[in-house]
């Protein structure tokens, strides 16, 4: 009987992997070869190990108008997305409470503030690149952020007995695995697919 002890929650999400100094494996936008995303200083960078193309993340900013309304005197904090307004230091903003137009200073800050959204549909949330370890099972996407994650998934799916470590209070890393991957009827096909991905060079 294969016994598997689970790991801590969110260990393999995009932000956690990069924060630990590990890489996220992706397909190069130019040659479809093996590329990877890493964190260097305060920026994310992707580099291709085959065609040597690389790109640095351009910082995205969020703009907010914060003030007390001149009419109703209620405080508001409104995100400004109008591209005609954001190049200016201040702009005319409608009070969300009473509709009065206020002339308000715009506050600019990095959109992510060091935290990134998680992967969606097998693509990274910053460069929108397809993950390198990705395939489909019955039309649904199966992916891993890197080899360590791939090995974790194979061990978890193929285990007969799964246990939660005593030092983990609530959720474990398996919490974020989609139900169709955990489904017993897909087990053999998922393991076969993931094992095939193990032999992907890169």
N, C-alpha and C. Protein backbone atom coordinates (compact mmCIF):
# COMPACT_ATOMS: atom_id res chain seq x y z
N UNK A 1 0.84 -1.19 0.00
CA UNK A 1 0.00 0.00 0.00
C UNK A 1 0.88 1.25 0.00
N UNK A 2 0.64 2.15 -0.95
CA UNK A 2 1.42 3.39 -1.02
C UNK A 2 0.83 4.43 -0.08
N UNK A 3 1.67 4.88 0.87
CA UNK A 3 1.24 5.89 1.84
C UNK A 3 1.85 7.23 1.45
N UNK A 4 1.06 8.29 1.54
CA UNK A 4 1.53 9.62 1.15
C UNK A 4 1.19 10.62 2.23
N UNK A 5 2.21 11.34 2.71
CA UNK A 5 1.98 12.40 3.69
C UNK A 5 1.95 13.73 2.97
N UNK A 6 0.85 14.43 3.09
CA UNK A 6 0.64 15.68 2.34
C UNK A 6 1.55 16.80 2.87
N UNK A 7 1.57 17.90 2.10
CA UNK A 7 2.42 19.04 2.44
C UNK A 7 1.56 20.26 2.77
N UNK A 8 2.21 21.36 3.11
CA UNK A 8 1.50 22.57 3.52
C UNK A 8 0.70 23.21 2.41
N UNK A 9 -0.36 23.92 2.79
CA UNK A 9 -1.26 24.55 1.81
C UNK A 9 -0.53 25.58 0.95
N UNK A 10 -0.95 25.66 -0.29
CA UNK A 10 -0.49 26.68 -1.25
C UNK A 10 1.02 26.64 -1.53
N UNK A 11 1.67 25.51 -1.21
CA UNK A 11 3.11 25.40 -1.43
C UNK A 11 3.46 25.59 -2.90
N UNK A 12 2.57 25.16 -3.79
CA UNK A 12 2.89 25.20 -5.22
C UNK A 12 2.16 26.30 -5.97
N UNK A 13 1.64 27.30 -5.27
CA UNK A 13 1.03 28.39 -6.02
C UNK A 13 2.14 29.31 -6.55
N UNK A 14 1.78 30.09 -7.56
CA UNK A 14 2.74 30.90 -8.32
C UNK A 14 3.60 31.78 -7.40
N UNK A 15 2.97 32.49 -6.52
CA UNK A 15 3.67 33.42 -5.63
C UNK A 15 4.61 32.68 -4.68
N UNK A 16 4.14 31.60 -4.08
CA UNK A 16 4.93 30.86 -3.09
C UNK A 16 6.19 30.26 -3.71
N UNK A 17 6.05 29.70 -4.90
CA UNK A 17 7.20 29.09 -5.59
C UNK A 17 8.28 30.13 -5.86
N UNK A 18 7.88 31.28 -6.39
CA UNK A 18 8.85 32.33 -6.72
C UNK A 18 9.45 32.96 -5.47
N UNK A 19 8.66 33.10 -4.43
CA UNK A 19 9.14 33.69 -3.18
C UNK A 19 10.23 32.82 -2.55
N UNK A 20 10.13 31.49 -2.74
CA UNK A 20 11.15 30.58 -2.21
C UNK A 20 12.42 30.57 -3.06
N UNK A 21 12.41 31.31 -4.17
CA UNK A 21 13.58 31.35 -5.05
C UNK A 21 13.61 30.22 -6.05
N UNK A 22 12.48 29.52 -6.21
CA UNK A 22 12.40 28.44 -7.20
C UNK A 22 11.85 29.00 -8.51
N UNK A 23 11.80 28.17 -9.54
CA UNK A 23 11.34 28.64 -10.84
C UNK A 23 10.01 28.02 -11.23
N UNK A 24 9.30 28.74 -12.12
CA UNK A 24 8.08 28.24 -12.74
C UNK A 24 8.42 27.94 -14.19
N UNK A 25 8.23 26.69 -14.61
CA UNK A 25 8.59 26.28 -15.97
C UNK A 25 7.47 26.61 -16.95
N UNK A 26 7.83 27.29 -18.04
CA UNK A 26 6.86 27.72 -19.06
C UNK A 26 7.39 27.44 -20.45
N UNK A 27 6.51 27.58 -21.46
CA UNK A 27 6.92 27.43 -22.86
C UNK A 27 7.29 28.79 -23.42
N UNK A 28 8.41 28.86 -24.09
CA UNK A 28 8.90 30.11 -24.67
C UNK A 28 7.91 30.63 -25.70
N UNK A 29 7.68 31.93 -25.68
CA UNK A 29 6.76 32.55 -26.64
C UNK A 29 7.32 32.56 -28.06
N UNK A 30 8.63 32.39 -28.18
CA UNK A 30 9.27 32.50 -29.49
C UNK A 30 9.56 31.16 -30.14
N UNK A 31 10.06 30.19 -29.35
CA UNK A 31 10.46 28.91 -29.96
C UNK A 31 9.69 27.72 -29.41
N UNK A 32 8.78 27.92 -28.45
CA UNK A 32 8.03 26.84 -27.80
C UNK A 32 8.91 25.92 -26.97
N UNK A 33 10.17 26.32 -26.78
CA UNK A 33 11.08 25.51 -25.98
C UNK A 33 10.88 25.75 -24.49
N UNK A 34 11.79 25.16 -23.71
CA UNK A 34 11.70 25.27 -22.25
C UNK A 34 12.20 26.63 -21.78
N UNK A 35 11.32 27.38 -21.14
CA UNK A 35 11.69 28.66 -20.52
C UNK A 35 11.29 28.59 -19.06
N UNK A 36 11.71 29.56 -18.29
CA UNK A 36 11.36 29.55 -16.87
C UNK A 36 11.24 30.98 -16.36
N UNK A 37 10.38 31.13 -15.36
CA UNK A 37 10.18 32.43 -14.70
C UNK A 37 10.86 32.38 -13.34
N UNK A 38 11.63 33.41 -13.04
CA UNK A 38 12.28 33.52 -11.73
C UNK A 38 12.12 34.94 -11.21
N UNK A 39 12.33 35.10 -9.93
CA UNK A 39 12.29 36.44 -9.34
C UNK A 39 13.72 36.93 -9.17
N UNK A 40 14.00 38.09 -9.75
CA UNK A 40 15.32 38.70 -9.62
C UNK A 40 15.13 40.11 -9.07
N UNK A 41 15.69 40.36 -7.90
CA UNK A 41 15.47 41.61 -7.19
C UNK A 41 13.96 41.79 -6.97
N UNK A 42 13.38 42.86 -7.45
CA UNK A 42 11.94 43.08 -7.25
C UNK A 42 11.13 42.79 -8.51
N UNK A 43 11.76 42.22 -9.53
CA UNK A 43 11.08 41.97 -10.79
C UNK A 43 11.03 40.49 -11.12
N UNK A 44 10.04 40.11 -11.92
CA UNK A 44 10.01 38.76 -12.45
C UNK A 44 10.62 38.79 -13.85
N UNK A 45 11.33 37.72 -14.17
CA UNK A 45 12.00 37.62 -15.47
C UNK A 45 11.69 36.24 -16.03
N UNK A 46 11.45 36.16 -17.35
CA UNK A 46 11.41 34.84 -17.97
C UNK A 46 12.57 34.72 -18.94
N UNK A 47 13.16 33.52 -18.97
CA UNK A 47 14.33 33.26 -19.80
C UNK A 47 14.13 31.93 -20.51
N UNK A 48 14.51 31.88 -21.77
CA UNK A 48 14.41 30.63 -22.53
C UNK A 48 15.78 29.94 -22.51
N UNK A 49 15.79 28.67 -22.15
CA UNK A 49 17.05 27.93 -22.09
C UNK A 49 17.45 27.38 -23.46
N UNK A 50 16.60 27.61 -24.49
CA UNK A 50 16.92 27.11 -25.82
C UNK A 50 17.28 28.21 -26.81
N UNK A 51 16.44 29.26 -26.91
CA UNK A 51 16.75 30.34 -27.86
C UNK A 51 17.33 31.57 -27.15
N UNK A 52 17.42 31.49 -25.80
CA UNK A 52 18.04 32.54 -24.96
C UNK A 52 17.31 33.88 -24.96
N UNK A 53 16.06 33.88 -25.45
CA UNK A 53 15.25 35.09 -25.33
C UNK A 53 14.93 35.31 -23.85
N UNK A 54 14.83 36.55 -23.44
CA UNK A 54 14.42 36.83 -22.06
C UNK A 54 13.67 38.15 -22.02
N UNK A 55 12.79 38.26 -21.04
CA UNK A 55 12.01 39.48 -20.85
C UNK A 55 11.88 39.75 -19.36
N UNK A 56 11.87 41.03 -19.01
CA UNK A 56 11.67 41.42 -17.62
C UNK A 56 10.24 41.94 -17.47
N UNK A 57 9.66 41.69 -16.33
CA UNK A 57 8.30 42.15 -16.05
C UNK A 57 8.28 43.67 -15.97
N UNK A 58 7.36 44.26 -16.70
CA UNK A 58 7.16 45.70 -16.56
C UNK A 58 6.17 45.90 -15.41
N UNK A 59 6.52 46.78 -14.50
CA UNK A 59 5.68 47.00 -13.33
C UNK A 59 4.34 47.61 -13.74
N UNK A 60 3.26 46.97 -13.34
CA UNK A 60 1.93 47.53 -13.58
C UNK A 60 1.51 48.33 -12.35
N UNK A 61 0.83 49.43 -12.62
CA UNK A 61 0.43 50.30 -11.51
C UNK A 61 -1.08 50.39 -11.38
N UNK A 62 -1.50 50.66 -10.17
CA UNK A 62 -2.91 50.89 -9.87
C UNK A 62 -3.04 52.34 -9.40
N UNK A 63 -4.09 53.01 -9.87
CA UNK A 63 -4.29 54.41 -9.55
C UNK A 63 -5.59 54.57 -8.74
N UNK A 64 -5.49 55.28 -7.63
CA UNK A 64 -6.65 55.50 -6.79
C UNK A 64 -6.86 56.99 -6.48
N UNK A 65 -8.12 57.38 -6.46
CA UNK A 65 -8.50 58.74 -6.06
C UNK A 65 -9.12 58.64 -4.68
N UNK A 66 -8.49 59.31 -3.69
CA UNK A 66 -8.97 59.23 -2.31
C UNK A 66 -9.20 60.65 -1.79
N UNK A 67 -10.37 60.87 -1.22
CA UNK A 67 -10.64 62.19 -0.64
C UNK A 67 -12.00 62.18 0.06
N UNK A 68 -12.29 63.27 0.75
CA UNK A 68 -13.64 63.50 1.27
C UNK A 68 -14.39 64.33 0.23
N UNK A 69 -15.60 63.93 -0.06
CA UNK A 69 -16.40 64.65 -1.06
C UNK A 69 -16.65 66.10 -0.60
N UNK A 70 -16.54 67.05 -1.56
CA UNK A 70 -16.74 68.46 -1.22
C UNK A 70 -18.20 68.77 -0.87
N UNK A 71 -19.10 67.88 -1.32
CA UNK A 71 -20.53 68.13 -1.05
C UNK A 71 -21.05 67.34 0.15
N UNK A 72 -20.96 66.01 0.07
CA UNK A 72 -21.54 65.19 1.16
C UNK A 72 -20.53 64.91 2.28
N UNK A 73 -19.27 65.24 2.02
CA UNK A 73 -18.18 65.11 2.99
C UNK A 73 -17.87 63.67 3.39
N UNK A 74 -18.38 62.70 2.63
CA UNK A 74 -18.08 61.30 2.93
C UNK A 74 -16.77 60.90 2.25
N UNK A 75 -16.03 60.03 2.91
CA UNK A 75 -14.74 59.56 2.39
C UNK A 75 -14.98 58.57 1.25
N UNK A 76 -14.16 58.67 0.20
CA UNK A 76 -14.21 57.66 -0.88
C UNK A 76 -12.79 57.32 -1.32
N UNK A 77 -12.67 56.13 -1.84
CA UNK A 77 -11.40 55.63 -2.39
C UNK A 77 -11.77 54.85 -3.66
N UNK A 78 -11.57 55.47 -4.82
CA UNK A 78 -12.03 54.92 -6.09
C UNK A 78 -10.83 54.55 -6.96
N UNK A 79 -10.83 53.32 -7.50
CA UNK A 79 -9.76 52.96 -8.45
C UNK A 79 -10.06 53.62 -9.79
N UNK A 80 -9.04 54.24 -10.39
CA UNK A 80 -9.18 54.94 -11.67
C UNK A 80 -8.52 54.12 -12.76
N UNK A 81 -9.31 53.73 -13.76
CA UNK A 81 -8.78 52.90 -14.85
C UNK A 81 -8.81 53.61 -16.20
N UNK A 82 -9.41 54.78 -16.25
CA UNK A 82 -9.51 55.54 -17.51
C UNK A 82 -8.11 56.00 -17.93
N UNK A 83 -7.65 55.50 -19.09
CA UNK A 83 -6.28 55.81 -19.53
C UNK A 83 -6.07 57.28 -19.86
N UNK A 84 -7.15 58.03 -20.05
CA UNK A 84 -7.03 59.47 -20.30
C UNK A 84 -6.75 60.22 -18.99
N UNK A 85 -7.14 59.62 -17.87
CA UNK A 85 -6.99 60.29 -16.58
C UNK A 85 -5.67 59.95 -15.88
N UNK A 86 -5.21 58.70 -16.03
CA UNK A 86 -4.08 58.26 -15.21
C UNK A 86 -2.74 58.95 -15.49
N UNK A 87 -2.48 59.56 -16.66
CA UNK A 87 -1.19 60.25 -16.81
C UNK A 87 -1.10 61.54 -15.97
N UNK A 88 -2.21 62.02 -15.44
CA UNK A 88 -2.23 63.30 -14.72
C UNK A 88 -2.10 63.09 -13.20
N UNK A 89 -1.62 64.10 -12.51
CA UNK A 89 -1.46 64.02 -11.06
C UNK A 89 -2.80 64.07 -10.33
N UNK A 90 -3.77 64.71 -10.96
CA UNK A 90 -5.11 64.77 -10.36
C UNK A 90 -6.14 64.73 -11.47
N UNK A 91 -7.39 64.46 -11.08
CA UNK A 91 -8.44 64.33 -12.08
C UNK A 91 -9.81 64.60 -11.47
N UNK A 92 -10.80 64.76 -12.35
CA UNK A 92 -12.18 64.95 -11.89
C UNK A 92 -12.82 63.58 -11.69
N UNK A 93 -13.24 63.32 -10.47
CA UNK A 93 -13.79 62.02 -10.08
C UNK A 93 -15.16 62.21 -9.44
N UNK A 94 -16.12 61.39 -9.88
CA UNK A 94 -17.46 61.44 -9.27
C UNK A 94 -17.46 60.78 -7.91
N UNK A 95 -18.09 61.43 -6.94
CA UNK A 95 -18.25 60.83 -5.63
C UNK A 95 -19.17 59.62 -5.77
N UNK A 96 -18.76 58.43 -5.30
CA UNK A 96 -19.61 57.23 -5.43
C UNK A 96 -20.87 57.30 -4.55
N UNK A 97 -20.92 58.24 -3.61
CA UNK A 97 -22.06 58.35 -2.71
C UNK A 97 -23.14 59.29 -3.23
N UNK A 98 -22.69 60.47 -3.72
CA UNK A 98 -23.71 61.47 -4.12
C UNK A 98 -23.58 61.92 -5.58
N UNK A 99 -22.53 61.50 -6.26
CA UNK A 99 -22.38 61.84 -7.68
C UNK A 99 -21.73 63.18 -7.96
N UNK A 100 -21.36 63.92 -6.93
CA UNK A 100 -20.71 65.22 -7.13
C UNK A 100 -19.30 65.01 -7.70
N UNK A 101 -18.94 65.85 -8.69
CA UNK A 101 -17.61 65.75 -9.29
C UNK A 101 -16.60 66.49 -8.41
N UNK A 102 -15.56 65.77 -8.00
CA UNK A 102 -14.50 66.32 -7.15
C UNK A 102 -13.19 66.36 -7.94
N UNK A 103 -12.38 67.36 -7.69
CA UNK A 103 -11.04 67.41 -8.27
C UNK A 103 -10.09 66.75 -7.25
N UNK A 104 -9.56 65.55 -7.60
CA UNK A 104 -8.85 64.73 -6.62
C UNK A 104 -7.46 64.34 -7.11
N UNK A 105 -6.50 64.30 -6.20
CA UNK A 105 -5.15 63.84 -6.52
C UNK A 105 -5.17 62.32 -6.71
N UNK A 106 -4.41 61.83 -7.70
CA UNK A 106 -4.33 60.39 -7.96
C UNK A 106 -3.12 59.80 -7.25
N UNK A 107 -3.33 58.66 -6.60
CA UNK A 107 -2.25 57.96 -5.90
C UNK A 107 -1.86 56.73 -6.70
N UNK A 108 -0.57 56.59 -6.97
CA UNK A 108 -0.06 55.51 -7.81
C UNK A 108 0.71 54.51 -6.96
N UNK A 109 0.42 53.21 -7.16
CA UNK A 109 1.18 52.17 -6.45
C UNK A 109 1.26 50.93 -7.33
N UNK A 110 2.28 50.09 -7.15
CA UNK A 110 2.37 48.85 -7.94
C UNK A 110 1.12 48.00 -7.74
N UNK A 111 0.60 47.45 -8.84
CA UNK A 111 -0.66 46.71 -8.79
C UNK A 111 -0.56 45.46 -7.91
N UNK A 112 0.60 44.80 -7.93
CA UNK A 112 0.70 43.54 -7.20
C UNK A 112 1.29 43.69 -5.81
N UNK A 113 2.07 44.73 -5.58
CA UNK A 113 2.71 44.96 -4.27
C UNK A 113 3.43 43.72 -3.77
N UNK A 114 4.10 43.02 -4.68
CA UNK A 114 4.88 41.84 -4.29
C UNK A 114 4.08 40.55 -4.26
N UNK A 115 2.78 40.62 -4.46
CA UNK A 115 1.96 39.40 -4.46
C UNK A 115 1.30 39.26 -5.82
N UNK A 116 1.29 38.05 -6.35
CA UNK A 116 0.75 37.83 -7.69
C UNK A 116 -0.46 36.90 -7.63
N UNK A 117 -1.40 37.08 -8.57
CA UNK A 117 -2.53 36.14 -8.64
C UNK A 117 -2.00 34.74 -8.97
N UNK A 118 -2.84 33.74 -8.81
CA UNK A 118 -2.38 32.38 -9.10
C UNK A 118 -2.60 32.03 -10.56
N UNK A 119 -2.07 30.88 -10.94
CA UNK A 119 -2.16 30.38 -12.32
C UNK A 119 -3.60 30.05 -12.66
N UNK A 120 -4.01 30.37 -13.88
CA UNK A 120 -5.36 30.07 -14.37
C UNK A 120 -5.27 29.36 -15.71
N UNK A 121 -5.97 28.23 -15.83
CA UNK A 121 -6.02 27.47 -17.09
C UNK A 121 -4.64 27.16 -17.65
N UNK A 122 -3.69 26.90 -16.74
CA UNK A 122 -2.37 26.48 -17.19
C UNK A 122 -1.50 27.59 -17.75
N UNK A 123 -1.82 28.85 -17.42
CA UNK A 123 -1.01 29.98 -17.89
C UNK A 123 -0.59 30.83 -16.70
N UNK A 124 0.62 31.38 -16.78
CA UNK A 124 1.07 32.20 -15.66
C UNK A 124 0.36 33.55 -15.66
N UNK A 125 0.18 34.18 -14.50
CA UNK A 125 -0.64 35.40 -14.41
C UNK A 125 0.08 36.70 -14.77
N UNK A 126 1.40 36.65 -15.00
CA UNK A 126 2.14 37.87 -15.29
C UNK A 126 2.49 38.00 -16.77
N UNK A 127 3.13 36.96 -17.34
CA UNK A 127 3.53 37.01 -18.75
C UNK A 127 2.54 36.31 -19.68
N UNK A 128 1.56 35.63 -19.10
CA UNK A 128 0.54 34.89 -19.85
C UNK A 128 1.17 33.82 -20.75
N UNK A 129 2.13 33.09 -20.19
CA UNK A 129 2.80 32.01 -20.92
C UNK A 129 2.25 30.66 -20.46
N UNK A 130 2.13 29.73 -21.40
CA UNK A 130 1.64 28.39 -21.07
C UNK A 130 2.69 27.65 -20.26
N UNK A 131 2.25 26.92 -19.24
CA UNK A 131 3.18 26.14 -18.43
C UNK A 131 3.82 25.05 -19.27
N UNK A 132 5.06 24.73 -18.94
CA UNK A 132 5.82 23.74 -19.71
C UNK A 132 5.30 22.33 -19.47
N UNK A 133 4.96 22.04 -18.22
CA UNK A 133 4.44 20.71 -17.88
C UNK A 133 2.91 20.78 -17.91
N UNK A 134 2.35 20.60 -19.08
CA UNK A 134 0.90 20.75 -19.27
C UNK A 134 0.40 19.75 -20.31
N UNK A 135 -0.74 19.15 -20.01
CA UNK A 135 -1.40 18.24 -20.95
C UNK A 135 -2.89 18.25 -20.62
N UNK A 136 -3.63 17.36 -21.30
CA UNK A 136 -5.09 17.32 -21.08
C UNK A 136 -5.53 15.91 -20.76
N UNK A 137 -6.51 15.80 -19.86
CA UNK A 137 -7.13 14.52 -19.53
C UNK A 137 -8.63 14.69 -19.72
N UNK A 138 -9.19 13.96 -20.65
CA UNK A 138 -10.62 14.05 -20.99
C UNK A 138 -11.04 15.51 -21.25
N UNK A 139 -10.17 16.23 -21.97
CA UNK A 139 -10.47 17.61 -22.37
C UNK A 139 -10.21 18.66 -21.30
N UNK A 140 -9.75 18.23 -20.13
CA UNK A 140 -9.47 19.19 -19.05
C UNK A 140 -7.97 19.28 -18.80
N UNK A 141 -7.53 20.49 -18.49
CA UNK A 141 -6.09 20.76 -18.37
C UNK A 141 -5.51 20.17 -17.08
N UNK A 142 -4.32 19.59 -17.23
CA UNK A 142 -3.55 19.05 -16.11
C UNK A 142 -2.16 19.68 -16.21
N UNK A 143 -1.70 20.30 -15.11
CA UNK A 143 -0.42 20.99 -15.20
C UNK A 143 0.34 20.97 -13.88
N UNK A 144 1.63 21.27 -13.98
CA UNK A 144 2.48 21.43 -12.80
C UNK A 144 3.37 22.65 -13.03
N UNK A 145 3.67 23.37 -11.95
CA UNK A 145 4.47 24.59 -12.09
C UNK A 145 5.95 24.29 -12.35
N UNK A 146 6.42 23.13 -11.85
CA UNK A 146 7.81 22.73 -12.08
C UNK A 146 7.93 21.23 -11.78
N UNK A 147 9.14 20.71 -11.86
CA UNK A 147 9.33 19.26 -11.67
C UNK A 147 8.96 18.81 -10.24
N UNK A 148 9.28 19.63 -9.27
CA UNK A 148 8.94 19.26 -7.89
C UNK A 148 7.43 19.12 -7.73
N UNK A 149 6.68 20.04 -8.30
CA UNK A 149 5.22 19.98 -8.24
C UNK A 149 4.70 18.76 -8.99
N UNK A 150 5.31 18.48 -10.13
CA UNK A 150 4.93 17.31 -10.94
C UNK A 150 5.12 16.02 -10.14
N UNK A 151 6.25 15.90 -9.46
CA UNK A 151 6.52 14.71 -8.64
C UNK A 151 5.53 14.61 -7.48
N UNK A 152 5.19 15.76 -6.90
CA UNK A 152 4.20 15.79 -5.81
C UNK A 152 2.85 15.25 -6.30
N UNK A 153 2.40 15.73 -7.46
CA UNK A 153 1.11 15.31 -8.00
C UNK A 153 1.07 13.81 -8.27
N UNK A 154 2.14 13.28 -8.84
CA UNK A 154 2.20 11.84 -9.14
C UNK A 154 2.13 11.04 -7.83
N UNK A 155 2.89 11.47 -6.82
CA UNK A 155 2.88 10.77 -5.53
C UNK A 155 1.51 10.83 -4.87
N UNK A 156 0.87 12.00 -4.95
CA UNK A 156 -0.44 12.16 -4.33
C UNK A 156 -1.51 11.31 -5.03
N UNK A 157 -1.58 11.39 -6.35
CA UNK A 157 -2.62 10.68 -7.10
C UNK A 157 -2.45 9.17 -7.00
N UNK A 158 -1.20 8.70 -7.01
CA UNK A 158 -0.97 7.24 -7.02
C UNK A 158 -1.02 6.61 -5.63
N UNK A 159 -1.12 7.43 -4.58
CA UNK A 159 -1.13 6.88 -3.21
C UNK A 159 -2.45 6.19 -2.88
N UNK A 160 -2.35 5.11 -2.11
CA UNK A 160 -3.55 4.40 -1.64
C UNK A 160 -4.05 5.01 -0.34
N UNK A 161 -3.11 5.54 0.46
CA UNK A 161 -3.46 6.14 1.75
C UNK A 161 -2.82 7.52 1.83
N UNK A 162 -3.66 8.54 2.00
CA UNK A 162 -3.17 9.92 2.10
C UNK A 162 -3.41 10.44 3.50
N UNK A 163 -2.35 10.95 4.13
CA UNK A 163 -2.49 11.44 5.50
C UNK A 163 -2.04 12.89 5.59
N UNK A 164 -2.64 13.59 6.54
CA UNK A 164 -2.29 14.99 6.79
C UNK A 164 -1.29 15.03 7.94
N UNK A 165 -0.18 15.76 7.77
CA UNK A 165 0.79 15.86 8.86
C UNK A 165 0.15 16.53 10.08
N UNK A 166 0.60 16.17 11.26
CA UNK A 166 0.03 16.71 12.49
C UNK A 166 0.23 18.20 12.68
N UNK A 167 1.28 18.76 12.04
CA UNK A 167 1.57 20.19 12.25
C UNK A 167 0.83 21.11 11.28
N UNK A 168 -0.01 20.54 10.40
CA UNK A 168 -0.77 21.35 9.45
C UNK A 168 -2.22 21.42 9.94
N UNK A 169 -2.70 22.60 10.35
CA UNK A 169 -4.01 22.70 11.01
C UNK A 169 -5.22 22.45 10.11
N UNK A 170 -5.27 23.08 8.94
CA UNK A 170 -6.49 22.98 8.13
C UNK A 170 -6.23 22.45 6.73
N UNK A 171 -5.82 23.35 5.83
CA UNK A 171 -5.65 22.95 4.43
C UNK A 171 -4.25 22.40 4.16
N UNK A 172 -4.18 21.56 3.12
CA UNK A 172 -2.90 21.01 2.68
C UNK A 172 -2.71 21.39 1.21
N UNK A 173 -1.56 21.02 0.65
CA UNK A 173 -1.26 21.35 -0.75
C UNK A 173 -2.28 20.73 -1.70
N UNK A 174 -2.85 19.59 -1.33
CA UNK A 174 -3.82 18.91 -2.19
C UNK A 174 -5.16 19.66 -2.26
N UNK A 175 -5.36 20.61 -1.36
CA UNK A 175 -6.62 21.37 -1.32
C UNK A 175 -6.92 22.05 -2.66
N UNK A 176 -5.87 22.48 -3.37
CA UNK A 176 -6.07 23.22 -4.62
C UNK A 176 -6.08 22.33 -5.87
N UNK A 177 -5.92 21.04 -5.70
CA UNK A 177 -5.97 20.13 -6.86
C UNK A 177 -7.42 19.99 -7.30
N UNK A 178 -7.72 20.24 -8.59
CA UNK A 178 -9.11 20.14 -9.07
C UNK A 178 -9.71 18.76 -8.85
N UNK A 179 -11.01 18.72 -8.65
CA UNK A 179 -11.71 17.46 -8.34
C UNK A 179 -11.56 16.42 -9.44
N UNK A 180 -11.52 16.85 -10.72
CA UNK A 180 -11.44 15.87 -11.81
C UNK A 180 -10.08 15.14 -11.82
N UNK A 181 -9.06 15.77 -11.23
CA UNK A 181 -7.76 15.10 -11.12
C UNK A 181 -7.80 14.08 -9.98
N UNK A 182 -8.51 14.40 -8.92
CA UNK A 182 -8.63 13.49 -7.76
C UNK A 182 -9.60 12.35 -8.00
N UNK A 183 -10.48 12.51 -8.98
CA UNK A 183 -11.55 11.54 -9.26
C UNK A 183 -10.96 10.15 -9.52
N UNK A 184 -11.45 9.15 -8.81
CA UNK A 184 -10.92 7.79 -8.91
C UNK A 184 -11.00 7.23 -10.33
N UNK A 185 -12.05 7.59 -11.08
CA UNK A 185 -12.21 7.03 -12.43
C UNK A 185 -11.15 7.59 -13.40
N UNK A 186 -10.55 8.73 -13.05
CA UNK A 186 -9.52 9.32 -13.91
C UNK A 186 -8.10 8.99 -13.45
N UNK A 187 -8.01 8.27 -12.34
CA UNK A 187 -6.72 8.06 -11.68
C UNK A 187 -5.63 7.51 -12.61
N UNK A 188 -5.90 6.40 -13.26
CA UNK A 188 -4.87 5.78 -14.11
C UNK A 188 -4.46 6.69 -15.26
N UNK A 189 -5.45 7.35 -15.87
CA UNK A 189 -5.17 8.24 -17.00
C UNK A 189 -4.36 9.46 -16.55
N UNK A 190 -4.70 10.00 -15.39
CA UNK A 190 -3.96 11.16 -14.87
C UNK A 190 -2.52 10.78 -14.56
N UNK A 191 -2.32 9.64 -13.90
CA UNK A 191 -0.96 9.19 -13.57
C UNK A 191 -0.15 8.97 -14.84
N UNK A 192 -0.77 8.35 -15.85
CA UNK A 192 -0.08 8.10 -17.13
C UNK A 192 0.32 9.42 -17.79
N UNK A 193 -0.59 10.40 -17.75
CA UNK A 193 -0.34 11.71 -18.37
C UNK A 193 0.78 12.44 -17.64
N UNK A 194 0.72 12.44 -16.30
CA UNK A 194 1.75 13.12 -15.51
C UNK A 194 3.13 12.45 -15.66
N UNK A 195 3.12 11.12 -15.74
CA UNK A 195 4.38 10.38 -15.90
C UNK A 195 5.00 10.70 -17.25
N UNK A 196 4.15 10.86 -18.28
CA UNK A 196 4.65 11.24 -19.61
C UNK A 196 5.31 12.61 -19.55
N UNK A 197 4.71 13.53 -18.77
CA UNK A 197 5.28 14.87 -18.63
C UNK A 197 6.64 14.83 -17.92
N UNK A 198 6.85 13.84 -17.06
CA UNK A 198 8.13 13.70 -16.35
C UNK A 198 9.28 13.53 -17.33
N UNK A 199 8.98 12.93 -18.47
CA UNK A 199 10.02 12.65 -19.46
C UNK A 199 10.22 13.80 -20.45
N UNK A 200 9.49 14.89 -20.24
CA UNK A 200 9.67 16.08 -21.07
C UNK A 200 11.04 16.67 -20.76
N UNK A 201 11.82 16.93 -21.79
CA UNK A 201 13.16 17.47 -21.55
C UNK A 201 13.08 18.93 -21.17
N UNK A 202 14.01 19.38 -20.38
CA UNK A 202 14.03 20.78 -19.96
C UNK A 202 14.39 20.91 -18.50
